[in-house]
Each structure stands twice: as structure tokens, then as C-alpha cells.
Amino acid sequence: MPIRSLCITESADRPSVATFIGMHEAGIEVTVVCPEDHPNHKTLTDAGVPTVDIRLPTNFNKAGIAALREELIRGRYHIMHTYNNKAVSNGLRACKGLPVKVVCYRGIVGAVGFLDPMSWMRYLNPRIDRIICVADAIRRHFLEMQPAFLRMPAERPVTIHKGHKLEWYTATPADLSEQGIPDGAFVVGCTANYRPRKGIDYLIDAIEALPDDVPVHLMLVGHMDAPKLTRRIARSPAKDRIHRAGYVTNAPELSAACDVFCMPSTKREGLARAIIEAMVYRVPPIVTDTGGSPELVVDGVSGIVVPPKDAQAIANAIETLYRDDSLRRRMGVAARERIATAFRNDDTVLKTIALYKELVPNPD
């Protein structure tokens, strides 16, 4: 008898969809709670993965909880696998009293606390059997929370990296002249949404700290229209070399056209997809030693790891890669190989199935 899993996600990204399909092809009876109007819905159905359109607009949605419970009972699922906060909070109520194992996905470090009531309604809830952490930094955070006597059992958080496939990234690099960047310029790219923990201000400080003979351009991709950032760029001596592409649908292709990629996060980084995309395109990354970023990058081999909140360290790393073409190319090749061997979607599928079988050794 195969294991039956109800996977609940409102925004199934490409790696998650590939994992669902991989488990389905391996014999797991996966059903995905996914809106019919989601861009990846057709990919799932074309692969033969059943879907259910249940909407969860709030953390505690009465209609959504009732619909989830009805589906859990109808499908006699062995596992309920949730992929976001709303899925966790609604799913835990929906499965009350049902003999289903609960697996939750967690993609960022922190934002969970013993004094926070909502945390107990989500990731600290003892009803949860396993928390799949996308980076080992997340697992360690759970196991190091204070006070120690309130910590969850050590076996509950497990690390399963969200793997990718190289064939997803074959598009031609973008033409950066469309962003106002001159031909032949050395470009540092960063894809993120502007918020304090992303450390964008430190990256701008780093660009300003570079010597005059290192005239790099900085391209910021994502939601970067915050008034604070606009003012910061306006007063920068490097303002003519800072370009905001905004939110785009071809972020990987923009990163592919850069010489270096930088993720200057100050805290709570999970396993940033933007870093992975750049690495697959052989663009060497500069990342901070926080969250899951140093799990992606082997310092000095497939990129450079610097301390968080250290603009000068970022500047030094940029200058090193600017002045050494050979090193930059070697790191780019190693970066792609790192993703190809250590962050494979096939491994994500196998490890998730192994976890399922650990929880449900004898499905009825």
C-alpha cells in the first residue's frame, strides 16, 4: 500500500512542484492543495499529480479548515505536509483528532519564539511530527532556542535542502544595456526585496568603498522602490553606477549577465533561490556568513563568504574578483558544480520519501 500525502501550498514554486512530481513518479500518492489559477497548476496535472483547490486566505479560515478536514478524511492520508504559515495554522486545526502525521516546511531562520502565541499554533505545536528545514541553520536554530527546557525534541527538525535542476536555467543571459548599464561594465548583481535584513545598504556602502580604479556597477533586482532606498541612492557618490531593475520575471537571466552576485543579508537567510540561480549560471557569489548561505558556498572555492554587516569585507571580495579574471572564472565553474552535485532536486525527492517512510513504515 503506497503512502498517501496531502501537500498544502498556495504558491508552489518550481522546486516544490518538481518534488511533488518526483514523489508521484516514485509511487507516493501525492495530492497537492493548489489553486487552479496558479501558474504551476497545469504542470502538476500534466504530470498526473491530483490537485485540490482549497483557498486559505487567512491564518484561521473556517471554510478552509473545514475543506481541508473533509479532504483529509476522504483521502485517508497518512501524511499532511504543509508548506507555508497559513497551511500550518489551518492544517493543524483541520487534522485535529485524525491519525495523520504532520510534516511542515520551514524556509527561514528565526521568527519563532516561545513567548509568541502564534509560534505555538504553528511550528512549536507538539502535534507536528517533523519540520523539514531548507537549511541546516534553521534546524540548529530550533535546537538552540532558549530556554532549553522548552525546546522541541531533537528528531523533529530535519534538514532537507531544496534542490534544483540545471536544465531549468538554460535561457540566454539578459542584455544589461536595457537597464542603462554600459557595454563592458563589470556588474555586481543582487536579487532581493528591500528590507532591513537583506543588507542592501551595506552593499551600497561596499560599492562606495571601492577604489576609483574599480568602477563596478551595481544592479538591484526585486522590489527596490522604498523611499529610504531611493534617498540613499540619490546621495551616493556612486549613484550613476547603481541601477534598479525592479520586480522582473527574468531575474535569473539578469543574474546570468552579471560578473559577480552578492547576497549581503544580515540575518535569517534561508537557502536563497537567487544565489542558486546565479551559481548555476557560473556567476561567483559573495554571501554573508548567516543562515543557509554558507551552506551553499564553499568559501574560496565556489564563492566568497564574508561576515554580515561588514561593507569593507564585501568591497574587498568584489575587488578581488574584479582584479582576478581567472579566479572569478574558476569560482563560477565551481559554483555551478556545487549546485549540480550538492543541491539536486533528485536528492530532495529521495530524502523526503525516506522521511515519509520513517513516519509511516507500514501504510495501511
Protein backbone atom coordinates (compact mmCIF):
# COMPACT_ATOMS: atom_id res chain seq x y z
CA MET A 1 0.00 0.00 0.00
CA PRO A 2 1.57 3.34 -1.02
CA ILE A 3 1.91 6.29 1.33
CA ARG A 4 -0.71 8.97 0.75
CA SER A 5 0.37 12.59 1.33
CA LEU A 6 -1.68 15.78 1.17
CA CYS A 7 0.72 18.63 0.38
CA ILE A 8 -0.70 22.07 1.15
CA THR A 9 0.78 25.08 -0.60
CA GLU A 10 -0.71 28.24 -2.03
CA SER A 11 2.34 29.14 -4.09
CA ALA A 12 4.09 26.04 -5.37
CA ASP A 13 7.44 27.11 -6.78
CA ARG A 14 9.37 25.15 -9.39
CA PRO A 15 11.50 23.11 -6.93
CA SER A 16 8.43 22.16 -4.87
CA VAL A 17 6.47 21.18 -7.98
CA ALA A 18 9.39 19.06 -9.16
CA THR A 19 9.50 17.38 -5.75
CA PHE A 20 5.77 16.61 -5.87
CA ILE A 21 6.13 15.13 -9.34
CA GLY A 22 9.24 13.18 -8.34
CA MET A 23 7.48 11.63 -5.35
CA HIS A 24 4.44 10.84 -7.50
CA GLU A 25 6.64 9.07 -10.05
CA ALA A 26 8.33 7.14 -7.22
CA GLY A 27 5.00 5.72 -6.05
CA ILE A 28 3.92 8.14 -3.32
CA GLU A 29 0.26 9.07 -3.73
CA VAL A 30 0.67 12.84 -3.59
CA THR A 31 -2.26 15.22 -3.75
CA VAL A 32 -1.44 18.93 -3.82
CA VAL A 33 -3.66 21.66 -2.43
CA CYS A 34 -3.02 24.29 -5.08
CA PRO A 35 -5.29 26.95 -6.64
CA GLU A 36 -6.37 26.10 -10.17
CA ASP A 37 -5.27 29.54 -11.35
CA HIS A 38 -1.70 29.07 -10.07
CA PRO A 39 0.91 29.23 -12.88
CA ASN A 40 2.28 25.78 -11.96
CA HIS A 41 -1.10 24.06 -11.60
CA LYS A 42 -1.04 22.75 -15.17
CA THR A 43 2.48 21.37 -14.69
CA LEU A 44 1.18 19.25 -11.83
CA THR A 45 -1.92 18.00 -13.61
CA ASP A 46 0.00 17.28 -16.82
CA ALA A 47 2.29 15.06 -14.74
CA GLY A 48 -0.70 13.20 -13.33
CA VAL A 49 -0.50 14.70 -9.83
CA PRO A 50 -4.01 15.19 -8.37
CA THR A 51 -4.80 18.66 -7.05
CA VAL A 52 -7.46 20.16 -4.81
CA ASP A 53 -8.42 23.83 -4.96
CA ILE A 54 -8.81 24.88 -1.33
CA ARG A 55 -8.24 28.55 -0.53
CA LEU A 56 -6.68 29.67 2.76
CA PRO A 57 -6.93 33.48 2.75
CA THR A 58 -6.26 33.84 6.49
CA ASN A 59 -4.38 32.02 9.22
CA PHE A 60 -7.58 30.65 10.69
CA ASN A 61 -10.11 30.30 7.91
CA LYS A 62 -13.24 28.42 8.90
CA ALA A 63 -14.19 27.36 5.39
CA GLY A 64 -10.63 26.38 4.54
CA ILE A 65 -10.23 24.33 7.71
CA ALA A 66 -13.49 22.51 7.03
CA ALA A 67 -12.48 21.79 3.43
CA LEU A 68 -9.05 20.52 4.47
CA ARG A 69 -10.56 18.26 7.11
CA GLU A 70 -13.05 16.87 4.62
CA GLU A 71 -10.22 16.12 2.19
CA LEU A 72 -8.04 14.53 4.88
CA ILE A 73 -10.88 12.20 5.83
CA ARG A 74 -11.88 11.47 2.23
CA GLY A 75 -8.36 10.65 1.10
CA ARG A 76 -7.37 8.75 4.26
CA TYR A 77 -3.99 10.42 4.06
CA HIS A 78 -1.06 9.16 6.08
CA ILE A 79 0.78 12.50 5.94
CA MET A 80 -0.24 16.15 5.86
CA HIS A 81 2.68 18.18 4.52
CA THR A 82 2.36 21.96 4.89
CA TYR A 83 4.49 24.49 3.03
CA ASN A 84 3.68 27.92 4.49
CA ASN A 85 2.37 29.63 7.61
CA LYS A 86 -1.29 29.62 6.60
CA ALA A 87 -1.08 25.96 5.65
CA VAL A 88 0.37 25.13 9.07
CA SER A 89 -2.12 27.08 11.18
CA ASN A 90 -5.17 25.93 9.20
CA GLY A 91 -3.89 22.41 8.68
CA LEU A 92 -3.25 21.78 12.38
CA ARG A 93 -6.86 22.61 13.13
CA ALA A 94 -8.14 20.57 10.23
CA CYS A 95 -6.33 17.40 11.34
CA LYS A 96 -7.39 17.54 14.98
CA GLY A 97 -8.16 14.02 16.17
CA LEU A 98 -7.19 12.41 12.85
CA PRO A 99 -4.49 9.70 12.61
CA VAL A 100 -2.31 11.68 10.22
CA LYS A 101 1.37 12.51 10.55
CA VAL A 102 2.16 16.22 10.26
CA VAL A 103 5.19 17.47 8.34
CA CYS A 104 5.94 21.19 7.98
CA TYR A 105 8.34 23.03 5.70
CA ARG A 106 10.37 25.92 7.11
CA GLY A 107 12.37 28.20 4.83
CA ILE A 108 13.84 30.95 7.03
CA VAL A 109 15.81 31.21 10.26
CA GLY A 110 14.06 32.65 13.29
CA ALA A 111 10.70 34.43 13.63
CA VAL A 112 9.68 31.69 16.08
CA GLY A 113 9.67 32.25 19.83
CA PHE A 114 8.48 30.55 22.98
CA LEU A 115 6.76 33.76 24.14
CA ASP A 116 4.90 34.18 20.85
CA PRO A 117 1.43 32.56 20.98
CA MET A 118 1.32 32.22 17.19
CA SER A 119 4.51 30.15 17.26
CA TRP A 120 2.74 27.57 19.41
CA MET A 121 -0.08 27.49 16.89
CA ARG A 122 2.46 26.77 14.17
CA TYR A 123 5.99 25.41 14.37
CA LEU A 124 6.21 24.85 18.13
CA ASN A 125 2.94 22.91 18.19
CA PRO A 126 3.65 19.43 19.63
CA ARG A 127 1.22 17.94 17.11
CA ILE A 128 3.92 18.37 14.44
CA ASP A 129 5.98 15.23 13.79
CA ARG A 130 8.73 16.68 11.59
CA ILE A 131 9.83 20.11 10.42
CA ILE A 132 11.73 19.99 7.13
CA CYS A 133 14.30 22.78 7.32
CA VAL A 134 15.56 24.04 3.98
CA ALA A 135 18.93 24.83 5.57
CA ASP A 136 20.79 23.30 8.48
CA ALA A 137 20.98 26.77 10.04
CA ILE A 138 17.21 26.60 10.53
CA ARG A 139 17.42 23.20 12.20
CA ARG A 140 20.16 24.43 14.52
CA HIS A 141 18.11 27.49 15.41
CA PHE A 142 15.21 25.33 16.56
CA LEU A 143 17.52 23.16 18.67
CA GLU A 144 19.33 26.12 20.24
CA MET A 145 16.27 28.13 21.28
CA GLN A 146 16.14 29.29 24.89
CA PRO A 147 15.10 28.28 27.48
CA ALA A 148 16.41 24.82 26.80
CA PHE A 149 13.67 23.01 28.74
CA LEU A 150 11.08 24.21 26.22
CA ARG A 151 12.96 23.03 23.15
CA MET A 152 11.33 20.61 20.76
CA PRO A 153 12.59 17.01 20.53
CA ALA A 154 15.88 16.79 18.64
CA GLU A 155 14.42 14.49 15.98
CA ARG A 156 11.64 16.88 14.99
CA PRO A 157 13.61 19.36 12.84
CA VAL A 158 15.46 17.75 9.94
CA THR A 159 17.45 19.31 7.13
CA ILE A 160 16.47 18.66 3.53
CA HIS A 161 17.86 21.20 1.11
CA LYS A 162 15.52 22.36 -1.65
CA GLY A 163 17.24 21.03 -4.73
CA HIS A 164 17.26 22.38 -8.26
CA LYS A 165 17.87 21.08 -11.79
CA LEU A 166 20.43 22.62 -14.11
CA GLU A 167 18.10 22.28 -17.09
CA TRP A 168 15.80 24.88 -15.55
CA TYR A 169 18.41 27.53 -16.28
CA THR A 170 19.24 27.50 -19.96
CA ALA A 171 17.90 30.87 -21.10
CA THR A 172 20.26 33.39 -22.68
CA PRO A 173 21.66 36.00 -20.27
CA ALA A 174 19.81 39.30 -20.40
CA ASP A 175 21.01 42.40 -22.22
CA LEU A 176 22.02 44.71 -19.37
CA SER A 177 22.07 47.74 -21.64
CA GLU A 178 18.30 47.71 -21.19
CA GLN A 179 18.99 48.58 -17.55
CA GLY A 180 21.20 51.51 -18.52
CA ILE A 181 24.41 49.60 -17.90
CA PRO A 182 27.16 50.33 -20.44
CA ASP A 183 28.66 47.56 -22.54
CA GLY A 184 31.76 46.04 -20.99
CA ALA A 185 30.96 47.23 -17.47
CA PHE A 186 31.79 44.99 -14.52
CA VAL A 187 28.45 44.30 -12.85
CA VAL A 188 27.60 43.11 -9.35
CA GLY A 189 24.05 41.81 -9.16
CA CYS A 190 21.74 41.39 -6.19
CA THR A 191 18.23 39.95 -6.31
CA ALA A 192 16.10 40.52 -3.22
CA ASN A 193 13.27 42.61 -1.83
CA TYR A 194 14.38 45.68 0.09
CA ARG A 195 14.05 45.13 3.82
CA PRO A 196 16.50 45.65 6.69
CA ARG A 197 17.65 42.04 6.99
CA LYS A 198 18.65 41.88 3.33
CA GLY A 199 21.56 44.25 3.98
CA ILE A 200 21.24 46.25 0.75
CA ASP A 201 22.59 49.38 2.45
CA TYR A 202 25.79 47.51 3.32
CA LEU A 203 26.17 46.52 -0.31
CA ILE A 204 25.82 50.14 -1.41
CA ASP A 205 28.38 51.11 1.24
CA ALA A 206 30.69 48.48 -0.25
CA ILE A 207 30.33 49.88 -3.76
CA GLU A 208 31.22 53.32 -2.40
CA ALA A 209 34.25 51.91 -0.57
CA LEU A 210 35.85 50.50 -3.71
CA PRO A 211 38.96 52.24 -5.11
CA ASP A 212 38.50 54.63 -8.01
CA ASP A 213 40.11 52.14 -10.38
CA VAL A 214 37.40 49.55 -9.58
CA PRO A 215 34.39 51.27 -11.22
CA VAL A 216 31.85 48.48 -10.85
CA HIS A 217 28.15 48.85 -11.50
CA LEU A 218 25.53 47.54 -9.07
CA MET A 219 22.24 46.12 -10.34
CA LEU A 220 19.44 45.66 -7.80
CA VAL A 221 16.64 43.31 -8.86
CA GLY A 222 13.37 42.96 -6.96
CA HIS A 223 11.11 45.29 -5.04
CA MET A 224 13.59 48.13 -4.53
CA ASP A 225 11.34 51.20 -4.66
CA ALA A 226 11.33 52.01 -0.94
CA PRO A 227 11.66 55.77 -0.31
CA LYS A 228 14.51 55.13 2.12
CA LEU A 229 16.49 53.32 -0.55
CA THR A 230 15.71 55.99 -3.13
CA ARG A 231 17.12 58.66 -0.81
CA ARG A 232 20.16 56.50 -0.03
CA ILE A 233 21.00 56.06 -3.70
CA ALA A 234 20.35 59.73 -4.51
CA ARG A 235 23.04 60.88 -2.09
CA SER A 236 25.53 58.18 -3.05
CA PRO A 237 28.70 59.22 -4.90
CA ALA A 238 28.19 56.02 -6.92
CA LYS A 239 24.57 56.81 -7.83
CA ASP A 240 25.30 56.81 -11.56
CA ARG A 241 26.52 53.22 -11.25
CA ILE A 242 23.57 51.90 -9.23
CA HIS A 243 20.70 50.52 -11.29
CA ARG A 244 17.32 49.30 -10.07
CA ALA A 245 15.68 46.79 -12.39
CA GLY A 246 12.65 46.43 -10.13
CA TYR A 247 10.49 43.33 -9.99
CA VAL A 248 11.00 41.29 -13.15
CA THR A 249 10.10 37.87 -14.48
CA ASN A 250 13.59 37.17 -15.83
CA ALA A 251 15.65 37.60 -12.67
CA PRO A 252 17.81 34.51 -13.36
CA GLU A 253 18.75 35.84 -16.80
CA LEU A 254 19.70 39.20 -15.30
CA SER A 255 21.91 37.48 -12.73
CA ALA A 256 23.44 35.38 -15.51
CA ALA A 257 24.62 38.56 -17.23
CA CYS A 258 26.47 39.79 -14.13
CA ASP A 259 30.13 39.25 -13.29
CA VAL A 260 29.50 38.71 -9.58
CA PHE A 261 26.40 38.10 -7.48
CA CYS A 262 26.12 39.36 -3.90
CA MET A 263 23.61 38.48 -1.18
CA PRO A 264 24.51 40.78 1.76
CA SER A 265 21.89 39.50 4.24
CA THR A 266 22.37 40.44 7.88
CA LYS A 267 20.30 37.61 9.38
CA ARG A 268 17.61 34.96 8.88
CA GLU A 269 18.53 33.94 5.34
CA GLY A 270 17.27 30.51 4.39
CA LEU A 271 18.52 28.94 1.18
CA ALA A 272 18.16 31.83 -1.21
CA ARG A 273 16.99 30.79 -4.65
CA ALA A 274 18.61 33.89 -6.14
CA ILE A 275 22.05 32.68 -5.03
CA ILE A 276 21.43 29.26 -6.54
CA GLU A 277 20.28 30.77 -9.83
CA ALA A 278 23.44 32.84 -10.12
CA MET A 279 25.65 29.87 -9.24
CA VAL A 280 24.04 27.69 -11.90
CA TYR A 281 24.90 30.38 -14.45
CA ARG A 282 28.55 30.28 -13.30
CA VAL A 283 28.36 33.67 -11.61
CA PRO A 284 30.50 33.53 -8.44
CA PRO A 285 28.59 34.60 -5.33
CA ILE A 286 29.61 36.75 -2.40
CA VAL A 287 27.44 35.85 0.59
CA THR A 288 27.38 36.65 4.27
CA ASP A 289 28.01 34.09 6.97
CA THR A 290 24.40 33.96 8.09
CA GLY A 291 21.58 31.46 7.72
CA GLY A 292 21.89 28.94 4.93
CA SER A 293 24.09 31.00 2.61
CA PRO A 294 27.40 29.47 3.78
CA GLU A 295 25.88 26.03 3.20
CA LEU A 296 25.58 26.90 -0.47
CA VAL A 297 29.02 28.41 -0.90
CA VAL A 298 32.36 26.78 -0.16
CA ASP A 299 34.43 29.81 0.83
CA GLY A 300 37.31 30.43 -1.53
CA VAL A 301 36.21 27.65 -3.88
CA SER A 302 32.71 28.29 -5.20
CA GLY A 303 32.41 31.84 -3.94
CA ILE A 304 33.39 34.09 -1.06
CA VAL A 305 31.81 34.18 2.40
CA VAL A 306 32.11 37.42 4.40
CA PRO A 307 30.90 38.50 7.85
CA PRO A 308 27.42 40.07 7.97
CA LYS A 309 27.14 43.86 8.27
CA ASP A 310 30.70 44.31 7.00
CA ALA A 311 30.71 46.61 3.97
CA GLN A 312 34.50 46.66 3.75
CA ALA A 313 34.65 42.86 3.61
CA ILE A 314 32.13 42.90 0.76
CA ALA A 315 34.17 45.58 -1.00
CA ASN A 316 37.35 43.54 -0.60
CA ALA A 317 35.65 40.47 -2.07
CA ILE A 318 34.33 42.46 -5.04
CA GLU A 319 37.76 43.96 -5.67
CA THR A 320 39.42 40.53 -5.50
CA LEU A 321 37.08 39.15 -8.15
CA TYR A 322 37.33 42.30 -10.24
CA ARG A 323 41.12 42.13 -10.41
CA ASP A 324 41.46 38.37 -10.92
CA ASP A 325 39.60 37.16 -14.02
CA SER A 326 40.99 33.65 -13.70
CA LEU A 327 39.84 33.28 -10.09
CA ARG A 328 36.42 34.62 -10.98
CA ARG A 329 36.02 32.11 -13.79
CA ARG A 330 37.21 29.19 -11.64
CA MET A 331 34.81 30.11 -8.86
CA GLY A 332 31.98 30.40 -11.38
CA VAL A 333 32.63 26.91 -12.70
CA ALA A 334 32.89 25.55 -9.15
CA ALA A 335 29.66 27.33 -8.19
CA ARG A 336 27.71 25.56 -10.93
CA GLU A 337 29.27 22.23 -9.99
CA ARG A 338 28.35 22.83 -6.35
CA ILE A 339 24.66 23.11 -7.22
CA ALA A 340 24.86 20.21 -9.68
CA THR A 341 26.24 17.82 -7.07
CA ALA A 342 25.13 19.02 -3.62
CA PHE A 343 21.73 20.61 -4.28
CA ARG A 344 19.96 18.24 -6.65
CA ASN A 345 16.19 18.02 -6.79
CA ASP A 346 16.50 14.24 -7.11
CA ASP A 347 18.10 14.17 -3.67
CA THR A 348 15.29 16.31 -2.25
CA VAL A 349 12.79 13.77 -3.55
CA LEU A 350 14.69 10.78 -2.14
CA LYS A 351 15.18 12.36 1.28
CA THR A 352 11.55 13.44 1.53
CA ILE A 353 10.37 9.94 0.66
CA ALA A 354 12.77 8.49 3.25
CA LEU A 355 11.29 10.81 5.87
CA TYR A 356 7.77 9.75 4.89
CA LYS A 357 8.71 6.09 5.22
CA GLU A 358 10.26 6.74 8.62
CA LEU A 359 6.99 8.25 9.82
CA VAL A 360 4.77 5.69 8.09
CA PRO A 361 6.71 2.41 7.93
CA ASN A 362 3.60 0.28 7.34
CA PRO A 363 0.93 2.22 5.44
CA ASP A 364 -2.46 0.52 5.55
